[in-house]
Amino acid sequence: MQIFKFGGASVKDVKGVKNLAKVLNTTGYKNTLVVVSAMGKTTNAMELVIKNYFENKAELQSSIHDVIKYHNEILLGLFDNERHQVFLAVKALFDELNLFFKSNKSPDYNYVYDQTIGFGELVSTTIISHYLNDIGLKNNWLDVRDYIKTDNYYRRANVNWEVTQAQISSQLNTSVLNITQGFLASDANNFTTTLGREGSDYTAAIFAYCLNANSVTIWKDVPGVLNADPRYFENAQLLNQISYREAIELAFYGASVIHPKTLQPLQRKEIPLHVKSFLNPNANGTCVSKGKTLEPEIPCFIVKKNQILISLSSLDFSYIVEENISEIFSLLHLYKMKVDVIQNSAISFSVCIDNLYNNLEKLLQHLRAKFKVTSHENVSLYTIRHYNQAAIKELEKDKTVLLKQLTQETIQIVTK
């Protein structure tokens, strides 16, 4: 088995879908499972739909129509006959979305988010599956929610590996080309769950683990894993080889090219991960596997924008001790804050967090009851793996440094 994953950028338009078929024909698709994301920026568009459902009902149908129109343009570019069954299949999915909004009684944003956000993936895979069948690449369309099972921690669900393994082993026909969705799963009650933003890579790794696949290939709009995001850094270089350990470190610190959870199941079974360009499928790209830590050995730069830096000190200048730290972490857990950097001294404690669930004000109010609190919003967290002084100097240029933390291999800098 080989597992392919195509992201939204690779199937954002008619040309992209046709190129996916070209990649399959170029590389071969025997015993292949293809995981596909929502097309283009559909997930962002669906987040606007959900926002309108809660905050601006008057714009709800308009925002849904924008998503429908975008996909209809792709449909019309791929299929000559508007009576093709794919049009009915896509319409049925959008009817299901509308029906959910009309019948839903839950006020829980996270639940509603997970029940609706994945229609982007359901539509994209429906379109691609029909197109591939039409041009002779016969395939099975799979609903990933029948295979990957999780708890009900909406928007960042945890995989039930035992049940997932059983479902995949007993139900998946590995002798044919299979097309399925990334990002989605379901809980024990068959409600839709999601694996976190950019979770399609993780989906590919879950299938690879359960199927004992030979490899996973992530097809992207870049030549492979670069040592820096070219959107924020100049002169980014291709990394030819990365060890599992190093890739997990990069993912942990926020390298956007690989989802943080993707590598762990692959490492357990030593399944190599390839990151390649869908525009140049014959190029080597990057291989993540056993072997050299990094080739070439150069500094790697990662940036996380829109972070919040919170600094705490005791009201009476007493020490920040284990009891205080335990309480702080309990509150961070309670308000679902993702912690990216921690730094503490005798009388202070600083933490850089990602406010994914918009609970910042509740957290700050709780902390102010026991601590003196200073917070900086919209800060940037930079991480350099395998840093040198030249890399640090270049990064700090023209920035206000709020926090700096060094270890032997890594430096993290929070700037305003």
Protein backbone atom coordinates (compact mmCIF):
# COMPACT_ATOMS: atom_id res chain seq x y z
CA MET A 1 0.00 0.00 0.00
CA GLN A 2 0.97 3.58 -0.64
CA ILE A 3 -0.89 6.54 0.83
CA PHE A 4 -1.11 9.84 -1.06
CA LYS A 5 -2.39 13.07 0.43
CA PHE A 6 -3.36 16.09 -1.68
CA GLY A 7 -3.91 19.42 0.09
CA GLY A 8 -6.36 22.16 -0.79
CA ALA A 9 -3.86 24.11 -2.89
CA SER A 10 -3.34 21.10 -5.15
CA VAL A 11 -7.05 20.80 -6.03
CA LYS A 12 -8.12 24.44 -5.88
CA ASP A 13 -9.43 24.54 -9.47
CA VAL A 14 -10.09 22.51 -12.61
CA LYS A 15 -6.42 22.51 -13.54
CA GLY A 16 -5.51 21.17 -10.08
CA VAL A 17 -7.96 18.28 -10.24
CA LYS A 18 -6.67 17.31 -13.69
CA ASN A 19 -3.12 17.52 -12.37
CA LEU A 20 -4.02 15.13 -9.52
CA ALA A 21 -5.03 12.60 -12.18
CA LYS A 22 -1.77 13.27 -13.99
CA VAL A 23 0.23 12.61 -10.80
CA LEU A 24 -1.58 9.30 -10.30
CA ASN A 25 -0.87 8.27 -13.88
CA THR A 26 2.78 9.33 -13.54
CA THR A 27 3.50 7.60 -10.22
CA GLY A 28 1.12 4.65 -10.53
CA TYR A 29 -1.96 4.08 -8.40
CA LYS A 30 -2.04 0.33 -7.74
CA ASN A 31 -2.87 -0.43 -4.07
CA THR A 32 -3.19 3.28 -3.39
CA LEU A 33 -5.35 5.24 -0.97
CA VAL A 34 -5.70 8.95 -1.71
CA VAL A 35 -6.57 11.40 1.07
CA VAL A 36 -7.88 14.76 -0.17
CA SER A 37 -8.48 18.07 1.64
CA ALA A 38 -11.16 20.65 0.92
CA MET A 39 -10.58 22.55 -2.32
CA GLY A 40 -8.60 25.80 -2.14
CA LYS A 41 -9.72 28.02 0.73
CA THR A 42 -13.01 26.20 1.28
CA THR A 43 -12.29 25.53 4.96
CA ASN A 44 -11.91 29.29 5.54
CA ALA A 45 -15.15 29.89 3.63
CA MET A 46 -16.91 27.27 5.74
CA GLU A 47 -15.64 28.93 8.92
CA LEU A 48 -17.35 32.11 7.72
CA VAL A 49 -20.55 30.11 7.17
CA ILE A 50 -20.36 28.85 10.77
CA LYS A 51 -19.62 32.36 12.06
CA ASN A 52 -22.68 33.69 10.23
CA TYR A 53 -24.83 30.88 11.65
CA PHE A 54 -24.01 32.06 15.17
CA GLU A 55 -23.59 35.80 14.67
CA ASN A 56 -25.22 36.97 11.45
CA LYS A 57 -28.08 34.73 10.31
CA ALA A 58 -29.00 37.21 7.55
CA GLU A 59 -25.75 36.40 5.74
CA LEU A 60 -25.84 32.62 6.29
CA GLN A 61 -27.40 31.63 2.96
CA SER A 62 -25.25 34.10 1.06
CA SER A 63 -22.05 32.60 2.48
CA ILE A 64 -23.25 29.06 1.74
CA HIS A 65 -24.08 30.15 -1.81
CA ASP A 66 -20.51 31.41 -2.24
CA VAL A 67 -19.20 27.92 -1.38
CA ILE A 68 -21.70 26.28 -3.75
CA LYS A 69 -20.84 28.69 -6.58
CA TYR A 70 -17.10 28.02 -6.20
CA HIS A 71 -17.60 24.26 -6.47
CA ASN A 72 -20.10 24.57 -9.32
CA GLU A 73 -17.51 26.40 -11.41
CA ILE A 74 -15.11 23.49 -10.90
CA LEU A 75 -17.87 20.99 -11.72
CA LEU A 76 -18.72 22.79 -14.97
CA GLY A 77 -15.06 22.79 -15.93
CA LEU A 78 -14.68 19.05 -15.36
CA PHE A 79 -17.98 17.60 -16.59
CA ASP A 80 -19.60 18.39 -19.96
CA ASN A 81 -23.06 17.11 -19.09
CA GLU A 82 -24.90 18.99 -16.33
CA ARG A 83 -27.13 15.92 -15.92
CA HIS A 84 -24.08 13.96 -14.74
CA GLN A 85 -24.83 12.27 -11.42
CA VAL A 86 -22.01 14.19 -9.72
CA PHE A 87 -24.15 17.35 -9.79
CA LEU A 88 -26.89 15.57 -7.85
CA ALA A 89 -24.37 14.08 -5.44
CA VAL A 90 -22.87 17.51 -4.64
CA LYS A 91 -26.33 19.11 -4.36
CA ALA A 92 -27.34 16.40 -1.88
CA LEU A 93 -24.37 17.27 0.32
CA PHE A 94 -25.22 20.98 0.38
CA ASP A 95 -28.88 20.08 1.08
CA GLU A 96 -27.63 18.06 4.05
CA LEU A 97 -25.63 21.06 5.26
CA ASN A 98 -28.68 23.33 5.07
CA LEU A 99 -30.83 20.76 6.81
CA PHE A 100 -28.37 20.62 9.71
CA PHE A 101 -28.51 24.40 10.18
CA LYS A 102 -32.33 24.32 10.13
CA SER A 103 -32.68 21.45 12.59
CA ASN A 104 -29.72 21.95 14.95
CA LYS A 105 -30.61 22.73 18.54
CA SER A 106 -27.12 22.71 20.06
CA PRO A 107 -25.58 26.06 21.07
CA ASP A 108 -22.11 24.46 21.32
CA TYR A 109 -19.87 26.17 18.74
CA ASN A 110 -17.32 23.34 18.73
CA TYR A 111 -19.98 20.70 18.07
CA VAL A 112 -21.55 22.73 15.26
CA TYR A 113 -18.11 23.42 13.81
CA ASP A 114 -17.30 19.73 13.51
CA GLN A 115 -20.69 18.76 12.07
CA THR A 116 -20.38 21.32 9.26
CA ILE A 117 -16.76 22.22 8.50
CA GLY A 118 -16.07 18.89 6.79
CA PHE A 119 -18.55 19.40 3.96
CA GLY A 120 -15.61 20.90 2.09
CA GLU A 121 -13.81 17.55 2.17
CA LEU A 122 -16.96 15.57 1.39
CA VAL A 123 -17.63 17.70 -1.69
CA SER A 124 -14.02 17.76 -2.94
CA THR A 125 -13.64 13.98 -2.75
CA THR A 126 -17.04 13.43 -4.39
CA ILE A 127 -16.04 15.61 -7.33
CA ILE A 128 -12.58 14.04 -7.67
CA SER A 129 -13.85 10.47 -7.35
CA HIS A 130 -16.43 11.00 -10.13
CA TYR A 131 -13.87 12.73 -12.34
CA LEU A 132 -11.30 9.95 -11.95
CA ASN A 133 -13.94 7.31 -12.73
CA ASP A 134 -14.94 9.24 -15.87
CA ILE A 135 -11.38 9.29 -17.24
CA GLY A 136 -10.76 5.63 -16.53
CA LEU A 137 -9.11 5.73 -13.09
CA LYS A 138 -11.66 3.48 -11.40
CA ASN A 139 -11.90 4.08 -7.66
CA ASN A 140 -13.98 3.65 -4.53
CA TRP A 141 -15.19 6.75 -2.65
CA LEU A 142 -14.92 6.17 1.09
CA ASP A 143 -16.51 8.11 3.93
CA VAL A 144 -13.56 8.40 6.31
CA ARG A 145 -15.96 8.72 9.25
CA ASP A 146 -16.74 5.01 8.87
CA TYR A 147 -13.07 4.16 9.42
CA ILE A 148 -11.37 6.63 11.79
CA LYS A 149 -13.06 6.69 15.19
CA THR A 150 -12.31 9.19 17.97
CA ASP A 151 -13.54 10.58 21.25
CA ASN A 152 -15.87 13.60 21.20
CA TYR A 153 -13.24 16.29 21.87
CA TYR A 154 -14.61 18.44 19.07
CA ARG A 155 -12.14 20.30 16.83
CA ARG A 156 -9.15 18.33 18.16
CA ALA A 157 -10.39 14.78 18.61
CA ASN A 158 -8.22 11.92 19.88
CA VAL A 159 -8.07 8.74 17.81
CA ASN A 160 -9.38 5.48 19.26
CA TRP A 161 -6.66 3.35 17.72
CA GLU A 162 -8.11 -0.03 18.62
CA VAL A 163 -11.52 0.63 17.02
CA THR A 164 -9.95 2.47 14.06
CA GLN A 165 -7.60 -0.44 13.36
CA ALA A 166 -10.51 -2.89 13.48
CA GLN A 167 -12.65 -0.78 11.14
CA ILE A 168 -9.88 -0.32 8.56
CA SER A 169 -8.75 -3.95 8.70
CA SER A 170 -12.25 -5.37 8.28
CA GLN A 171 -13.85 -2.91 5.84
CA LEU A 172 -11.21 -1.49 3.50
CA ASN A 173 -10.62 -3.11 0.10
CA THR A 174 -6.92 -2.46 -0.45
CA SER A 175 -6.79 -3.96 -3.96
CA VAL A 176 -8.43 -0.91 -5.58
CA LEU A 177 -7.80 2.83 -5.74
CA ASN A 178 -9.58 4.46 -2.80
CA ILE A 179 -10.45 8.16 -2.42
CA THR A 180 -11.29 9.55 1.01
CA GLN A 181 -11.34 12.72 3.09
CA GLY A 182 -8.67 14.17 5.32
CA PHE A 183 -9.31 15.96 8.63
CA LEU A 184 -12.58 14.14 9.49
CA ALA A 185 -13.52 11.26 11.78
CA SER A 186 -16.48 10.31 13.97
CA ASP A 187 -17.14 9.50 17.60
CA ALA A 188 -18.88 6.51 19.18
CA ASN A 189 -22.29 8.07 18.44
CA ASN A 190 -21.32 8.70 14.79
CA PHE A 191 -21.21 12.46 15.20
CA THR A 192 -18.55 14.01 13.01
CA THR A 193 -15.29 15.02 14.69
CA THR A 194 -12.17 16.71 13.33
CA LEU A 195 -8.48 16.09 13.95
CA GLY A 196 -7.41 19.75 14.14
CA ARG A 197 -6.60 22.22 11.37
CA GLU A 198 -4.22 20.73 8.79
CA GLY A 199 -5.27 17.30 10.08
CA SER A 200 -5.39 15.71 6.62
CA ASP A 201 -1.71 14.78 6.90
CA TYR A 202 -2.57 13.00 10.14
CA THR A 203 -5.39 11.15 8.37
CA ALA A 204 -2.87 9.81 5.86
CA ALA A 205 -0.59 8.66 8.69
CA ILE A 206 -3.45 6.90 10.50
CA PHE A 207 -4.31 4.88 7.39
CA ALA A 208 -0.63 4.15 6.75
CA TYR A 209 -0.18 2.83 10.27
CA CYS A 210 -3.30 0.65 10.19
CA LEU A 211 -2.54 -0.69 6.70
CA ASN A 212 1.23 -1.19 7.24
CA ALA A 213 1.79 0.97 4.18
CA ASN A 214 5.11 1.15 2.37
CA SER A 215 5.11 4.94 2.33
CA VAL A 216 3.12 8.16 2.69
CA THR A 217 3.49 10.96 0.15
CA ILE A 218 2.19 14.46 0.82
CA TRP A 219 1.77 16.41 -2.43
CA LYS A 220 2.23 20.16 -1.97
CA ASP A 221 2.83 23.37 -3.90
CA VAL A 222 6.44 23.49 -2.69
CA PRO A 223 9.36 21.25 -3.75
CA GLY A 224 9.46 19.55 -0.34
CA VAL A 225 10.19 20.54 3.25
CA LEU A 226 12.04 23.85 3.27
CA ASN A 227 14.19 25.21 6.09
CA ALA A 228 11.83 28.21 6.35
CA ASP A 229 8.38 29.30 5.21
CA PRO A 230 9.02 31.31 2.01
CA ARG A 231 6.05 33.56 2.87
CA TYR A 232 8.01 34.99 5.81
CA PHE A 233 11.67 34.24 5.09
CA GLU A 234 13.84 34.91 2.06
CA ASN A 235 16.11 32.32 0.41
CA ALA A 236 14.41 29.23 1.83
CA GLN A 237 16.30 26.01 1.01
CA LEU A 238 15.09 22.46 0.35
CA LEU A 239 15.85 19.83 3.00
CA ASN A 240 16.58 16.52 1.25
CA GLN A 241 16.48 14.25 4.30
CA ILE A 242 15.10 14.66 7.81
CA SER A 243 15.10 12.07 10.57
CA TYR A 244 11.82 11.23 12.31
CA ARG A 245 13.09 12.80 15.52
CA GLU A 246 14.10 16.03 13.85
CA ALA A 247 10.84 16.23 11.89
CA ILE A 248 8.86 15.71 15.10
CA GLU A 249 10.85 18.55 16.70
CA LEU A 250 10.14 20.84 13.72
CA ALA A 251 6.44 19.90 13.77
CA PHE A 252 6.22 20.46 17.52
CA TYR A 253 7.58 23.97 17.14
CA GLY A 254 5.05 24.71 14.39
CA ALA A 255 6.58 23.88 11.01
CA SER A 256 3.44 24.15 8.89
CA VAL A 257 4.50 21.67 6.23
CA ILE A 258 3.93 18.68 8.56
CA HIS A 259 1.12 18.24 11.08
CA PRO A 260 2.46 17.68 14.63
CA LYS A 261 0.66 14.32 15.08
CA THR A 262 1.49 12.95 11.65
CA LEU A 263 4.95 11.60 12.33
CA GLN A 264 4.42 9.59 15.50
CA PRO A 265 2.46 6.67 14.01
CA LEU A 266 4.81 6.60 11.00
CA GLN A 267 7.89 6.43 13.21
CA ARG A 268 6.46 3.53 15.23
CA LYS A 269 6.38 1.38 12.08
CA GLU A 270 9.28 3.12 10.30
CA ILE A 271 7.07 4.14 7.36
CA PRO A 272 8.89 6.79 5.29
CA LEU A 273 7.12 10.08 4.62
CA HIS A 274 7.80 11.85 1.34
CA VAL A 275 6.92 15.50 0.76
CA LYS A 276 6.84 16.27 -2.96
CA SER A 277 5.72 18.89 -5.44
CA PHE A 278 2.50 18.08 -7.29
CA LEU A 279 3.87 20.24 -10.12
CA ASN A 280 7.00 18.12 -10.47
CA PRO A 281 6.10 14.59 -9.32
CA ASN A 282 9.33 13.02 -10.53
CA ALA A 283 11.53 15.25 -8.35
CA ASN A 284 12.91 13.68 -5.16
CA GLY A 285 11.41 16.17 -2.71
CA THR A 286 12.07 15.52 0.99
CA CYS A 287 12.20 12.14 2.70
CA VAL A 288 11.45 11.83 6.42
CA SER A 289 12.78 8.49 7.65
CA LYS A 290 15.53 6.80 9.64
CA GLY A 291 18.89 8.25 8.77
CA LYS A 292 20.69 11.58 8.94
CA THR A 293 19.23 14.17 11.30
CA LEU A 294 19.24 16.83 8.60
CA GLU A 295 20.62 17.04 5.08
CA PRO A 296 21.89 19.67 4.48
CA GLU A 297 22.73 20.77 8.03
CA ILE A 298 21.47 24.36 8.09
CA PRO A 299 19.39 26.47 10.50
CA CYS A 300 15.62 25.88 10.25
CA PHE A 301 13.26 28.81 10.90
CA ILE A 302 9.66 28.57 12.14
CA VAL A 303 7.24 31.38 12.94
CA LYS A 304 3.88 31.38 14.70
CA LYS A 305 1.89 34.59 14.35
CA ASN A 306 -0.95 35.96 16.52
CA GLN A 307 0.34 34.46 19.76
CA ILE A 308 -0.28 35.79 23.28
CA LEU A 309 2.50 36.23 25.81
CA ILE A 310 1.34 36.17 29.43
CA SER A 311 3.72 37.07 32.26
CA LEU A 312 2.78 36.34 35.86
CA SER A 313 4.33 37.28 39.18
CA SER A 314 3.12 36.79 42.73
CA LEU A 315 1.23 39.67 44.31
CA ASP A 316 3.44 39.63 47.41
CA PHE A 317 6.78 38.90 45.64
CA SER A 318 6.85 35.38 47.04
CA TYR A 319 8.38 32.57 45.01
CA ILE A 320 6.55 30.93 42.12
CA VAL A 321 6.68 27.36 43.40
CA GLU A 322 5.29 23.98 42.35
CA GLU A 323 1.85 24.69 43.80
CA ASN A 324 1.54 27.91 41.75
CA ILE A 325 2.78 26.27 38.55
CA SER A 326 0.35 23.39 39.00
CA GLU A 327 -2.53 25.83 39.37
CA ILE A 328 -1.43 27.82 36.30
CA PHE A 329 -1.32 24.68 34.15
CA SER A 330 -4.72 23.59 35.44
CA LEU A 331 -6.17 26.90 34.26
CA LEU A 332 -4.41 26.65 30.89
CA HIS A 333 -5.94 23.19 30.50
CA LEU A 334 -9.37 24.36 31.67
CA TYR A 335 -9.48 27.12 29.05
CA LYS A 336 -7.98 24.91 26.31
CA MET A 337 -4.88 27.02 25.72
CA LYS A 338 -2.14 25.54 23.56
CA VAL A 339 1.20 26.27 25.23
CA ASP A 340 4.16 26.99 22.96
CA VAL A 341 6.83 28.43 25.30
CA ILE A 342 7.31 28.39 29.07
CA GLN A 343 9.86 30.40 31.04
CA ASN A 344 10.04 30.85 34.79
CA SER A 345 12.27 32.38 37.43
CA ALA A 346 12.03 32.61 41.19
CA ILE A 347 9.21 35.18 41.20
CA SER A 348 7.86 35.16 37.64
CA PHE A 349 6.33 32.80 35.11
CA SER A 350 5.85 33.53 31.40
CA VAL A 351 3.95 31.50 28.86
CA CYS A 352 3.31 32.00 25.13
CA ILE A 353 -0.04 30.54 24.10
CA ASP A 354 -2.36 30.04 21.16
CA ASN A 355 -5.90 31.20 21.98
CA LEU A 356 -7.65 28.69 19.68
CA TYR A 357 -10.90 28.57 21.66
CA ASN A 358 -11.17 32.33 22.35
CA ASN A 359 -11.05 31.91 26.13
CA LEU A 360 -8.34 34.51 26.80
CA GLU A 361 -10.42 36.97 28.83
CA LYS A 362 -11.78 34.19 31.05
CA LEU A 363 -8.26 32.93 31.65
CA LEU A 364 -6.86 36.37 32.46
CA GLN A 365 -9.71 37.12 34.85
CA HIS A 366 -9.04 33.88 36.68
CA LEU A 367 -5.28 34.47 36.84
CA ARG A 368 -5.66 38.05 38.14
CA ALA A 369 -7.30 36.71 41.29
CA LYS A 370 -3.93 35.32 42.42
CA PHE A 371 -1.20 36.91 40.30
CA LYS A 372 0.00 40.16 38.87
CA VAL A 373 -0.68 39.65 35.15
CA THR A 374 0.80 41.28 32.06
CA SER A 375 -0.31 40.16 28.59
CA HIS A 376 0.86 41.00 25.09
CA GLU A 377 -1.45 40.05 22.23
CA ASN A 378 -0.57 39.57 18.54
CA VAL A 379 3.05 38.69 19.23
CA SER A 380 5.15 36.44 16.99
CA LEU A 381 7.00 33.36 18.20
CA TYR A 382 10.13 32.52 16.21
CA THR A 383 11.97 29.24 16.59
CA ILE A 384 15.36 28.41 15.08
CA ARG A 385 16.53 24.82 15.12
CA HIS A 386 20.32 24.35 14.74
CA TYR A 387 20.81 28.08 15.20
CA ASN A 388 24.00 30.08 14.82
CA GLN A 389 24.77 33.67 15.82
CA ALA A 390 24.27 34.98 12.30
CA ALA A 391 20.77 33.46 12.18
CA ILE A 392 19.83 34.97 15.55
CA LYS A 393 21.15 38.41 14.58
CA GLU A 394 19.23 38.40 11.32
CA LEU A 395 16.02 37.33 13.02
CA GLU A 396 16.16 39.95 15.77
CA LYS A 397 16.84 42.83 13.40
CA ASP A 398 14.23 45.61 13.67
CA LYS A 399 12.16 43.68 16.24
CA THR A 400 11.35 44.21 19.93
CA VAL A 401 12.33 41.05 21.79
CA LEU A 402 9.94 40.23 24.66
CA LEU A 403 11.30 36.80 25.58
CA LYS A 404 14.26 34.65 24.55
CA GLN A 405 15.01 31.06 25.47
CA LEU A 406 17.94 28.92 24.35
CA THR A 407 18.73 25.22 24.52
CA GLN A 408 21.60 23.39 22.87
CA GLU A 409 19.79 22.94 19.53
CA THR A 410 16.92 25.44 19.66
CA ILE A 411 16.30 29.10 20.33
CA GLN A 412 12.83 30.60 20.74
CA ILE A 413 12.22 34.33 20.54
CA VAL A 414 8.95 36.16 21.18
CA THR A 415 8.77 39.54 19.42
CA LYS A 416 6.37 42.42 19.05
